[in-house]
PDB file of N, CA and C in Angstrom:
ATOM      1  N   LEU A   1     113.766  34.365  10.032  1.00  0.00           N
ATOM      2  CA  LEU A   1     114.102  33.678  11.268  1.00  0.00           C
ATOM      3  C   LEU A   1     114.605  34.704  12.279  1.00  0.00           C
ATOM      4  N   LEU A   2     114.029  34.705  13.463  1.00  0.00           N
ATOM      5  CA  LEU A   2     114.422  35.631  14.517  1.00  0.00           C
ATOM      6  C   LEU A   2     115.370  34.941  15.479  1.00  0.00           C
ATOM      7  N   PHE A   3     116.320  35.717  15.966  1.00  0.00           N
ATOM      8  CA  PHE A   3     117.267  35.191  16.937  1.00  0.00           C
ATOM      9  C   PHE A   3     116.890  35.701  18.317  1.00  0.00           C
ATOM     10  N   SER A   4     116.979  34.823  19.280  1.00  0.00           N
ATOM     11  CA  SER A   4     116.721  35.249  20.651  1.00  0.00           C
ATOM     12  C   SER A   4     117.965  35.934  21.203  1.00  0.00           C
ATOM     13  N   ASP A   5     117.801  36.656  22.304  1.00  0.00           N
ATOM     14  CA  ASP A   5     118.943  37.298  22.950  1.00  0.00           C
ATOM     15  C   ASP A   5     119.997  36.266  23.346  1.00  0.00           C
ATOM     16  N   MET A   6     119.526  35.082  23.706  1.00  0.00           N
ATOM     17  CA  MET A   6     120.444  34.038  24.114  1.00  0.00           C
ATOM     18  C   MET A   6     121.364  33.633  22.961  1.00  0.00           C
ATOM     19  N   ASP A   7     120.826  33.605  21.744  1.00  0.00           N
ATOM     20  CA  ASP A   7     121.624  33.252  20.585  1.00  0.00           C
ATOM     21  C   ASP A   7     122.699  34.291  20.300  1.00  0.00           C
ATOM     22  N   LEU A   8     122.435  35.538  20.585  1.00  0.00           N
ATOM     23  CA  LEU A   8     123.363  36.608  20.280  1.00  0.00           C
ATOM     24  C   LEU A   8     124.425  36.795  21.355  1.00  0.00           C
ATOM     25  N   LYS A   9     124.143  36.409  22.560  1.00  0.00           N
ATOM     26  CA  LYS A   9     125.069  36.657  23.663  1.00  0.00           C
ATOM     27  C   LYS A   9     126.438  36.000  23.477  1.00  0.00           C
ATOM     28  N   PRO A  10     126.508  34.741  23.064  1.00  0.00           N
ATOM     29  CA  PRO A  10     127.851  34.163  22.899  1.00  0.00           C
ATOM     30  C   PRO A  10     128.690  34.930  21.880  1.00  0.00           C
ATOM     31  N   ASP A  11     128.101  35.353  20.775  1.00  0.00           N
ATOM     32  CA  ASP A  11     128.846  36.112  19.773  1.00  0.00           C
ATOM     33  C   ASP A  11     129.246  37.483  20.306  1.00  0.00           C
ATOM     34  N   ALA A  12     128.340  38.126  21.013  1.00  0.00           N
ATOM     35  CA  ALA A  12     128.641  39.437  21.582  1.00  0.00           C
ATOM     36  C   ALA A  12     129.754  39.310  22.624  1.00  0.00           C
ATOM     37  N   LYS A  13     129.686  38.275  23.437  1.00  0.00           N
ATOM     38  CA  LYS A  13     130.709  38.051  24.464  1.00  0.00           C
ATOM     39  C   LYS A  13     132.055  37.754  23.802  1.00  0.00           C
ATOM     40  N   ARG A  14     132.038  36.962  22.755  1.00  0.00           N
ATOM     41  CA  ARG A  14     133.257  36.629  22.030  1.00  0.00           C
ATOM     42  C   ARG A  14     133.884  37.893  21.434  1.00  0.00           C
ATOM     43  N   LYS A  15     133.034  38.744  20.862  1.00  0.00           N
ATOM     44  CA  LYS A  15     133.508  39.999  20.280  1.00  0.00           C
ATOM     45  C   LYS A  15     134.103  40.902  21.372  1.00  0.00           C
ATOM     46  N   GLU A  16     133.413  40.975  22.499  1.00  0.00           N
ATOM     47  CA  GLU A  16     133.892  41.775  23.627  1.00  0.00           C
ATOM     48  C   GLU A  16     135.244  41.258  24.121  1.00  0.00           C
ATOM     49  N   ASN A  17     135.383  39.943  24.225  1.00  0.00           N
ATOM     50  CA  ASN A  17     136.645  39.347  24.656  1.00  0.00           C
ATOM     51  C   ASN A  17     137.765  39.649  23.662  1.00  0.00           C
ATOM     52  N   GLN A  18     137.453  39.585  22.380  1.00  0.00           N
ATOM     53  CA  GLN A  18     138.447  39.871  21.355  1.00  0.00           C
ATOM     54  C   GLN A  18     138.905  41.327  21.425  1.00  0.00           C
ATOM     55  N   VAL A  19     137.957  42.229  21.629  1.00  0.00           N
ATOM     56  CA  VAL A  19     138.294  43.651  21.756  1.00  0.00           C
ATOM     57  C   VAL A  19     139.200  43.865  22.965  1.00  0.00           C
ATOM     58  N   MET A  20     138.868  43.226  24.075  1.00  0.00           N
ATOM     59  CA  MET A  20     139.676  43.366  25.297  1.00  0.00           C
ATOM     60  C   MET A  20     141.083  42.792  25.074  1.00  0.00           C
ATOM     61  N   ARG A  21     141.189  41.630  24.443  1.00  0.00           N
ATOM     62  CA  ARG A  21     142.510  41.044  24.156  1.00  0.00           C
ATOM     63  C   ARG A  21     143.343  41.995  23.293  1.00  0.00           C
ATOM     64  N   THR A  22     142.696  42.597  22.310  1.00  0.00           N
ATOM     65  CA  THR A  22     143.391  43.538  21.429  1.00  0.00           C
ATOM     66  C   THR A  22     143.898  44.739  22.215  1.00  0.00           C
ATOM     67  N   ARG A  23     143.055  45.268  23.089  1.00  0.00           N
ATOM     68  CA  ARG A  23     143.457  46.428  23.901  1.00  0.00           C
ATOM     69  C   ARG A  23     144.609  46.078  24.846  1.00  0.00           C
ATOM     70  N   ILE A  24     144.537  44.900  25.455  1.00  0.00           N
ATOM     71  CA  ILE A  24     145.603  44.459  26.359  1.00  0.00           C
ATOM     72  C   ILE A  24     146.903  44.298  25.583  1.00  0.00           C
ATOM     73  N   ASN A  25     146.845  43.630  24.434  1.00  0.00           N
ATOM     74  CA  ASN A  25     148.052  43.444  23.626  1.00  0.00           C
ATOM     75  C   ASN A  25     148.646  44.771  23.195  1.00  0.00           C
ATOM     76  N   GLN A  26     147.795  45.705  22.821  1.00  0.00           N
ATOM     77  CA  GLN A  26     148.254  47.023  22.401  1.00  0.00           C
ATOM     78  C   GLN A  26     148.970  47.731  23.560  1.00  0.00           C
ATOM     79  N   LYS A  27     148.369  47.665  24.748  1.00  0.00           N
ATOM     80  CA  LYS A  27     148.968  48.317  25.923  1.00  0.00           C
ATOM     81  C   LYS A  27     150.313  47.663  26.270  1.00  0.00           C
ATOM     82  N   LEU A  28     150.362  46.342  26.227  1.00  0.00           N
ATOM     83  CA  LEU A  28     151.605  45.632  26.512  1.00  0.00           C
ATOM     84  C   LEU A  28     152.685  45.998  25.491  1.00  0.00           C
ATOM     85  N   GLU A  29     152.300  46.083  24.249  1.00  0.00           N
ATOM     86  CA  GLU A  29     153.244  46.417  23.180  1.00  0.00           C
ATOM     87  C   GLU A  29     153.770  47.846  23.338  1.00  0.00           C
ATOM     88  N   GLU A  30     152.859  48.785  23.528  1.00  0.00           N
ATOM     89  CA  GLU A  30     153.237  50.203  23.635  1.00  0.00           C
ATOM     90  C   GLU A  30     154.148  50.483  24.825  1.00  0.00           C
ATOM     91  N   SER A  31     153.940  49.762  25.901  1.00  0.00           N
ATOM     92  CA  SER A  31     154.713  50.010  27.123  1.00  0.00           C
ATOM     93  C   SER A  31     156.053  49.280  27.143  1.00  0.00           C
ATOM     94  N   GLY A  32     156.232  48.336  26.226  1.00  0.00           N
ATOM     95  CA  GLY A  32     157.440  47.524  26.240  1.00  0.00           C
ATOM     96  C   GLY A  32     157.323  46.305  27.131  1.00  0.00           C
ATOM     97  N   GLU A  33     156.194  46.182  27.813  1.00  0.00           N
ATOM     98  CA  GLU A  33     155.976  45.050  28.730  1.00  0.00           C
ATOM     99  C   GLU A  33     155.901  43.727  27.962  1.00  0.00           C
ATOM    100  N   ARG A  34     155.369  43.769  26.777  1.00  0.00           N
ATOM    101  CA  ARG A  34     155.241  42.536  25.983  1.00  0.00           C
ATOM    102  C   ARG A  34     156.623  41.932  25.711  1.00  0.00           C
ATOM    103  N   GLU A  35     157.581  42.774  25.372  1.00  0.00           N
ATOM    104  CA  GLU A  35     158.934  42.292  25.108  1.00  0.00           C
ATOM    105  C   GLU A  35     159.565  41.719  26.376  1.00  0.00           C
ATOM    106  N   ARG A  36     159.326  42.363  27.513  1.00  0.00           N
ATOM    107  CA  ARG A  36     159.844  41.841  28.782  1.00  0.00           C
ATOM    108  C   ARG A  36     159.231  40.476  29.095  1.00  0.00           C
ATOM    109  N   LEU A  37     157.930  40.341  28.861  1.00  0.00           N
ATOM    110  CA  LEU A  37     157.242  39.072  29.106  1.00  0.00           C
ATOM    111  C   LEU A  37     157.748  37.977  28.159  1.00  0.00           C
ATOM    112  N   LYS A  38     158.001  38.346  26.915  1.00  0.00           N
ATOM    113  CA  LYS A  38     158.547  37.377  25.957  1.00  0.00           C
ATOM    114  C   LYS A  38     159.917  36.884  26.401  1.00  0.00           C
ATOM    115  N   GLU A  39     160.720  37.796  26.907  1.00  0.00           N
ATOM    116  CA  GLU A  39     162.053  37.417  27.389  1.00  0.00           C
ATOM    117  C   GLU A  39     161.949  36.524  28.626  1.00  0.00           C
ATOM    118  N   LEU A  40     161.022  36.831  29.514  1.00  0.00           N
ATOM    119  CA  LEU A  40     160.780  35.983  30.682  1.00  0.00           C
ATOM    120  C   LEU A  40     160.357  34.580  30.234  1.00  0.00           C
ATOM    121  N   LEU A  41     159.463  34.525  29.266  1.00  0.00           N
ATOM    122  CA  LEU A  41     159.007  33.229  28.747  1.00  0.00           C
ATOM    123  C   LEU A  41     160.177  32.446  28.143  1.00  0.00           C
ATOM    124  N   ARG A  42     160.977  33.102  27.324  1.00  0.00           N
ATOM    125  CA  ARG A  42     162.150  32.433  26.732  1.00  0.00           C
ATOM    126  C   ARG A  42     163.060  31.863  27.814  1.00  0.00           C
ATOM    127  N   SER A  43     163.303  32.665  28.823  1.00  0.00           N
ATOM    128  CA  SER A  43     164.181  32.256  29.910  1.00  0.00           C
ATOM    129  C   SER A  43     163.625  31.041  30.657  1.00  0.00           C
ATOM    130  N   ARG A  44     162.348  31.102  31.009  1.00  0.00           N
ATOM    131  CA  ARG A  44     161.731  29.993  31.753  1.00  0.00           C
ATOM    132  C   ARG A  44     161.694  28.707  30.921  1.00  0.00           C
ATOM    133  N   LEU A  45     161.406  28.843  29.633  1.00  0.00           N
ATOM    134  CA  LEU A  45     161.366  27.655  28.773  1.00  0.00           C
ATOM    135  C   LEU A  45     162.751  27.039  28.620  1.00  0.00           C
ATOM    136  N   GLN A  46     163.764  27.871  28.575  1.00  0.00           N
ATOM    137  CA  GLN A  46     165.140  27.382  28.516  1.00  0.00           C
ATOM    138  C   GLN A  46     165.499  26.664  29.816  1.00  0.00           C
ATOM    139  N   GLU A  47     165.159  27.288  30.938  1.00  0.00           N
ATOM    140  CA  GLU A  47     165.484  26.724  32.251  1.00  0.00           C
ATOM    141  C   GLU A  47     164.861  25.353  32.481  1.00  0.00           C
ATOM    142  N   CYS A  48     163.641  25.159  32.013  1.00  0.00           N
ATOM    143  CA  CYS A  48     162.942  23.897  32.289  1.00  0.00           C
ATOM    144  C   CYS A  48     163.235  22.809  31.247  1.00  0.00           C
ATOM    145  N   GLY A  49     164.049  23.137  30.248  1.00  0.00           N
ATOM    146  CA  GLY A  49     164.406  22.126  29.254  1.00  0.00           C
ATOM    147  C   GLY A  49     163.425  21.995  28.108  1.00  0.00           C
ATOM    148  N   TRP A  50     162.437  22.848  28.060  1.00  0.00           N
ATOM    149  CA  TRP A  50     161.412  22.793  27.015  1.00  0.00           C
ATOM    150  C   TRP A  50     162.023  22.950  25.625  1.00  0.00           C
ATOM    151  N   ARG A  51     162.914  23.912  25.470  1.00  0.00           N
ATOM    152  CA  ARG A  51     163.541  24.152  24.158  1.00  0.00           C
ATOM    153  C   ARG A  51     164.345  22.938  23.715  1.00  0.00           C
ATOM    154  N   ASP A  52     165.062  22.337  24.638  1.00  0.00           N
ATOM    155  CA  ASP A  52     165.856  21.152  24.291  1.00  0.00           C
ATOM    156  C   ASP A  52     164.961  19.990  23.869  1.00  0.00           C
ATOM    157  N   GLN A  53     163.851  19.817  24.573  1.00  0.00           N
ATOM    158  CA  GLN A  53     162.903  18.761  24.198  1.00  0.00           C
ATOM    159  C   GLN A  53     162.349  18.992  22.796  1.00  0.00           C
ATOM    160  N   LEU A  54     162.039  20.255  22.510  1.00  0.00           N
ATOM    161  CA  LEU A  54     161.491  20.603  21.209  1.00  0.00           C
ATOM    162  C   LEU A  54     162.524  20.389  20.101  1.00  0.00           C
ATOM    163  N   LYS A  55     163.753  20.772  20.357  1.00  0.00           N
ATOM    164  CA  LYS A  55     164.824  20.546  19.377  1.00  0.00           C
ATOM    165  C   LYS A  55     164.984  19.058  19.096  1.00  0.00           C
ATOM    166  N   LYS A  56     164.949  18.268  20.160  1.00  0.00           N
ATOM    167  CA  LYS A  56     165.075  16.817  20.007  1.00  0.00           C
ATOM    168  C   LYS A  56     163.942  16.273  19.150  1.00  0.00           C
ATOM    169  N   HIS A  57     162.731  16.735  19.412  1.00  0.00           N
ATOM    170  CA  HIS A  57     161.578  16.274  18.632  1.00  0.00           C
ATOM    171  C   HIS A  57     161.725  16.678  17.160  1.00  0.00           C
ATOM    172  N   CYS A  58     162.198  17.880  16.912  1.00  0.00           N
ATOM    173  CA  CYS A  58     162.424  18.336  15.534  1.00  0.00           C
ATOM    174  C   CYS A  58     163.449  17.445  14.837  1.00  0.00           C
ATOM    175  N   ARG A  59     164.528  17.163  15.524  1.00  0.00           N
ATOM    176  CA  ARG A  59     165.562  16.292  14.939  1.00  0.00           C
ATOM    177  C   ARG A  59     165.005  14.910  14.621  1.00  0.00           C
ATOM    178  N   GLU A  60     164.166  14.399  15.524  1.00  0.00           N
ATOM    179  CA  GLU A  60     163.558  13.087  15.283  1.00  0.00           C
ATOM    180  C   GLU A  60     162.659  13.111  14.054  1.00  0.00           C
ATOM    181  N   LEU A  61     161.852  14.157  13.917  1.00  0.00           N
ATOM    182  CA  LEU A  61     160.986  14.278  12.742  1.00  0.00           C
ATOM    183  C   LEU A  61     161.798  14.361  11.459  1.00  0.00           C
ATOM    184  N   ILE A  62     162.843  15.164  11.470  1.00  0.00           N
ATOM    185  CA  ILE A  62     163.687  15.325  10.288  1.00  0.00           C
ATOM    186  C   ILE A  62     164.387  14.016   9.961  1.00  0.00           C
ATOM    187  N   SER A  63     164.881  13.347  10.978  1.00  0.00           N
ATOM    188  CA  SER A  63     165.556  12.072  10.779  1.00  0.00           C
ATOM    189  C   SER A  63     164.603  11.025  10.216  1.00  0.00           C
ATOM    190  N   HIS A  64     163.400  10.996  10.750  1.00  0.00           N
ATOM    191  CA  HIS A  64     162.400  10.020  10.313  1.00  0.00           C
ATOM    192  C   HIS A  64     161.974  10.258   8.863  1.00  0.00           C
ATOM    193  N   ARG A  65     161.759  11.508   8.500  1.00  0.00           N
ATOM    194  CA  ARG A  65     161.283  11.849   7.156  1.00  0.00           C
ATOM    195  C   ARG A  65     162.392  12.051   6.142  1.00  0.00           C
ATOM    196  N   GLY A  66     163.525  12.466   6.606  1.00  0.00           N
ATOM    197  CA  GLY A  66     164.615  12.813   5.703  1.00  0.00           C
ATOM    198  C   GLY A  66     164.648  14.311   5.491  1.00  0.00           C
ATOM    199  N   LEU A  67     165.833  14.864   5.523  1.00  0.00           N
ATOM    200  CA  LEU A  67     166.018  16.310   5.431  1.00  0.00           C
ATOM    201  C   LEU A  67     165.390  16.898   4.174  1.00  0.00           C
ATOM    202  N   ASN A  68     165.475  16.179   3.081  1.00  0.00           N
ATOM    203  CA  ASN A  68     164.948  16.698   1.810  1.00  0.00           C
ATOM    204  C   ASN A  68     163.446  16.496   1.650  1.00  0.00           C
ATOM    205  N   ASN A  69     162.822  15.829   2.603  1.00  0.00           N
ATOM    206  CA  ASN A  69     161.392  15.510   2.493  1.00  0.00           C
ATOM    207  C   ASN A  69     160.519  16.277   3.478  1.00  0.00           C
ATOM    208  N   ILE A  70     161.092  17.273   4.114  1.00  0.00           N
ATOM    209  CA  ILE A  70     160.302  18.067   5.057  1.00  0.00           C
ATOM    210  C   ILE A  70     160.722  19.536   4.942  1.00  0.00           C
ATOM    211  N   SER A  71     159.726  20.393   4.846  1.00  0.00           N
ATOM    212  CA  SER A  71     160.009  21.828   4.746  1.00  0.00           C
ATOM    213  C   SER A  71     159.940  22.456   6.138  1.00  0.00           C
ATOM    214  N   VAL A  72     160.456  23.643   6.235  1.00  0.00           N
ATOM    215  CA  VAL A  72     160.398  24.370   7.500  1.00  0.00           C
ATOM    216  C   VAL A  72     158.942  24.611   7.886  1.00  0.00           C
ATOM    217  N   ASP A  73     158.109  24.969   6.893  1.00  0.00           N
ATOM    218  CA  ASP A  73     156.686  25.202   7.171  1.00  0.00           C
ATOM    219  C   ASP A  73     155.996  23.949   7.685  1.00  0.00           C
ATOM    220  N   THR A  74     156.277  22.821   7.071  1.00  0.00           N
ATOM    221  CA  THR A  74     155.677  21.556   7.509  1.00  0.00           C
ATOM    222  C   THR A  74     156.143  21.202   8.912  1.00  0.00           C
ATOM    223  N   LEU A  75     157.419  21.381   9.157  1.00  0.00           N
ATOM    224  CA  LEU A  75     157.971  21.113  10.488  1.00  0.00           C
ATOM    225  C   LEU A  75     157.291  21.997  11.531  1.00  0.00           C
ATOM    226  N   ALA A  76     157.137  23.265  11.220  1.00  0.00           N
ATOM    227  CA  ALA A  76     156.484  24.193  12.147  1.00  0.00           C
ATOM    228  C   ALA A  76     155.034  23.795  12.398  1.00  0.00           C
ATOM    229  N   GLN A  77     154.319  23.402  11.351  1.00  0.00           N
ATOM    230  CA  GLN A  77     152.918  22.985  11.508  1.00  0.00           C
ATOM    231  C   GLN A  77     152.804  21.757  12.394  1.00  0.00           C
ATOM    232  N   GLU A  78     153.726  20.837  12.248  1.00  0.00           N
ATOM    233  CA  GLU A  78     153.664  19.601  13.032  1.00  0.00           C
ATOM    234  C   GLU A  78     154.119  19.796  14.466  1.00  0.00           C
ATOM    235  N   ILE A  79     155.072  20.668  14.677  1.00  0.00           N
ATOM    236  CA  ILE A  79     155.644  20.826  16.012  1.00  0.00           C
ATOM    237  C   ILE A  79     154.841  21.778  16.892  1.00  0.00           C
ATOM    238  N   THR A  80     154.143  22.733  16.288  1.00  0.00           N
ATOM    239  CA  THR A  80     153.444  23.769  17.054  1.00  0.00           C
ATOM    240  C   THR A  80     152.443  23.215  18.065  1.00  0.00           C
ATOM    241  N   PRO A  81     151.545  22.301  17.697  1.00  0.00           N
ATOM    242  CA  PRO A  81     150.599  21.791  18.713  1.00  0.00           C
ATOM    243  C   PRO A  81     151.315  21.123  19.896  1.00  0.00           C
ATOM    244  N   LYS A  82     152.333  20.330  19.609  1.00  0.00           N
ATOM    245  CA  LYS A  82     153.085  19.675  20.686  1.00  0.00           C
ATOM    246  C   LYS A  82     153.807  20.722  21.535  1.00  0.00           C
ATOM    247  N   ALA A  83     154.368  21.721  20.886  1.00  0.00           N
ATOM    248  CA  ALA A  83     155.099  22.764  21.606  1.00  0.00           C
ATOM    249  C   ALA A  83     154.189  23.505  22.575  1.00  0.00           C
ATOM    250  N   ARG A  84     153.028  23.902  22.086  1.00  0.00           N
ATOM    251  CA  ARG A  84     152.089  24.635  22.942  1.00  0.00           C
ATOM    252  C   ARG A  84     151.586  23.773  24.087  1.00  0.00           C
ATOM    253  N   ALA A  85     151.305  22.530  23.790  1.00  0.00           N
ATOM    254  CA  ALA A  85     150.764  21.630  24.811  1.00  0.00           C
ATOM    255  C   ALA A  85     151.799  21.267  25.877  1.00  0.00           C
ATOM    256  N   SER A  86     153.063  21.369  25.535  1.00  0.00           N
ATOM    257  CA  SER A  86     154.101  20.928  26.472  1.00  0.00           C
ATOM    258  C   SER A  86     154.706  22.056  27.319  1.00  0.00           C
ATOM    259  N   VAL A  87     154.195  23.270  27.180  1.00  0.00           N
ATOM    260  CA  VAL A  87     154.673  24.361  28.050  1.00  0.00           C
ATOM    261  C   VAL A  87     154.219  24.024  29.475  1.00  0.00           C
ATOM    262  N   PRO A  88     155.150  23.966  30.411  1.00  0.00           N
ATOM    263  CA  PRO A  88     154.782  23.594  31.780  1.00  0.00           C
ATOM    264  C   PRO A  88     153.754  24.557  32.394  1.00  0.00           C
ATOM    265  N   ASP A  89     152.847  23.995  33.169  1.00  0.00           N
ATOM    266  CA  ASP A  89     151.799  24.797  33.808  1.00  0.00           C
ATOM    267  C   ASP A  89     152.380  25.904  34.687  1.00  0.00           C
ATOM    268  N   LEU A  90     153.466  25.617  35.373  1.00  0.00           N
ATOM    269  CA  LEU A  90     154.083  26.639  36.227  1.00  0.00           C
ATOM    270  C   LEU A  90     154.531  27.849  35.414  1.00  0.00           C
ATOM    271  N   VAL A  91     155.036  27.616  34.224  1.00  0.00           N
ATOM    272  CA  VAL A  91     155.467  28.714  33.356  1.00  0.00           C
ATOM    273  C   VAL A  91     154.257  29.521  32.907  1.00  0.00           C
ATOM    274  N   LYS A  92     153.195  28.828  32.516  1.00  0.00           N
ATOM    275  CA  LYS A  92     151.962  29.514  32.102  1.00  0.00           C
ATOM    276  C   LYS A  92     151.401  30.361  33.244  1.00  0.00           C
ATOM    277  N   LYS A  93     151.369  29.769  34.437  1.00  0.00           N
ATOM    278  CA  LYS A  93     150.830  30.482  35.604  1.00  0.00           C
ATOM    279  C   LYS A  93     151.664  31.709  35.944  1.00  0.00           C
ATOM    280  N   GLU A  94     152.976  31.570  35.880  1.00  0.00           N
ATOM    281  CA  GLU A  94     153.840  32.707  36.186  1.00  0.00           C
ATOM    282  C   GLU A  94     153.621  33.843  35.192  1.00  0.00           C
ATOM    283  N   LEU A  95     153.529  33.503  33.930  1.00  0.00           N
ATOM    284  CA  LEU A  95     153.321  34.522  32.908  1.00  0.00           C
ATOM    285  C   LEU A  95     151.967  35.206  33.078  1.00  0.00           C
ATOM    286  N   LEU A  96     150.947  34.428  33.349  1.00  0.00           N
ATOM    287  CA  LEU A  96     149.615  34.984  33.567  1.00  0.00           C
ATOM    288  C   LEU A  96     149.608  35.903  34.790  1.00  0.00           C
ATOM    289  N   GLN A  97     150.292  35.502  35.846  1.00  0.00           N
ATOM    290  CA  GLN A  97     150.380  36.331  37.048  1.00  0.00           C
ATOM    291  C   GLN A  97     151.091  37.649  36.747  1.00  0.00           C
ATOM    292  N   GLN A  98     152.145  37.581  35.966  1.00  0.00           N
ATOM    293  CA  GLN A  98     152.869  38.802  35.588  1.00  0.00           C
ATOM    294  C   GLN A  98     151.961  39.754  34.794  1.00  0.00           C
ATOM    295  N   ILE A  99     151.155  39.202  33.905  1.00  0.00           N
ATOM    296  CA  ILE A  99     150.228  40.019  33.114  1.00  0.00           C
ATOM    297  C   ILE A  99     149.185  40.649  34.025  1.00  0.00           C
ATOM    298  N   ARG A 100     148.638  39.855  34.929  1.00  0.00           N
ATOM    299  CA  ARG A 100     147.633  40.382  35.868  1.00  0.00           C
ATOM    300  C   ARG A 100     148.204  41.520  36.716  1.00  0.00           C
ATOM    301  N   GLU A 101     149.400  41.314  37.235  1.00  0.00           N
ATOM    302  CA  GLU A 101     150.028  42.344  38.058  1.00  0.00           C
ATOM    303  C   GLU A 101     150.258  43.620  37.255  1.00  0.00           C
ATOM    304  N   TYR A 102     150.689  43.461  36.019  1.00  0.00           N
ATOM    305  CA  TYR A 102     150.900  44.638  35.171  1.00  0.00           C
ATOM    306  C   TYR A 102     149.586  45.382  34.946  1.00  0.00           C
ATOM    307  N   LEU A 103     148.523  44.632  34.661  1.00  0.00           N
ATOM    308  CA  LEU A 103     147.227  45.266  34.387  1.00  0.00           C
ATOM    309  C   LEU A 103     146.628  45.900  35.642  1.00  0.00           C
ATOM    310  N   GLU A 104     146.908  45.351  36.812  1.00  0.00           N
ATOM    311  CA  GLU A 104     146.445  45.978  38.053  1.00  0.00           C
ATOM    312  C   GLU A 104     147.120  47.338  38.257  1.00  0.00           C
ATOM    313  N   LYS A 105     148.399  47.407  37.901  1.00  0.00           N
ATOM    314  CA  LYS A 105     149.150  48.654  38.063  1.00  0.00           C
ATOM    315  C   LYS A 105     148.900  49.622  36.928  1.00  0.00           C
ATOM    316  N   ASN A 106     148.490  49.094  35.767  1.00  0.00           N
ATOM    317  CA  ASN A 106     148.297  49.907  34.567  1.00  0.00           C
ATOM    318  C   ASN A 106     146.952  49.564  33.936  1.00  0.00           C
ATOM    319  N   PRO A 107     145.844  49.970  34.555  1.00  0.00           N
ATOM    320  CA  PRO A 107     144.526  49.594  34.037  1.00  0.00           C
ATOM    321  C   PRO A 107     144.295  50.123  32.624  1.00  0.00           C
ATOM    322  N   ILE A 108     143.441  49.413  31.940  1.00  0.00           N
ATOM    323  CA  ILE A 108     143.115  49.803  30.555  1.00  0.00           C
ATOM    324  C   ILE A 108     141.993  50.819  30.564  1.00  0.00           C
TER     325      ILE A 108
END
């Protein structure tokens, strides 16, 4: 069975994107920018009440199931999708803008 160029392009593009993400993460890590961005994210999530909402949801899950009937791993698996989905768009946009500005000043 032969594959057309069209069939290979999505995989090649995906691989290229993965390589670029890896290079960006490496540059952010090496420069210390990643840690600064993480701290900015923590701060913004605290300011908007996201952490408090998440804590409340965790307490509700534990209360509903019982402390002895839920593990930390299970709690993390259940809370992660909600946590990611509930990050405010403004926080996401600000973080993305900060990354873009850093990459403009520090090209790969």
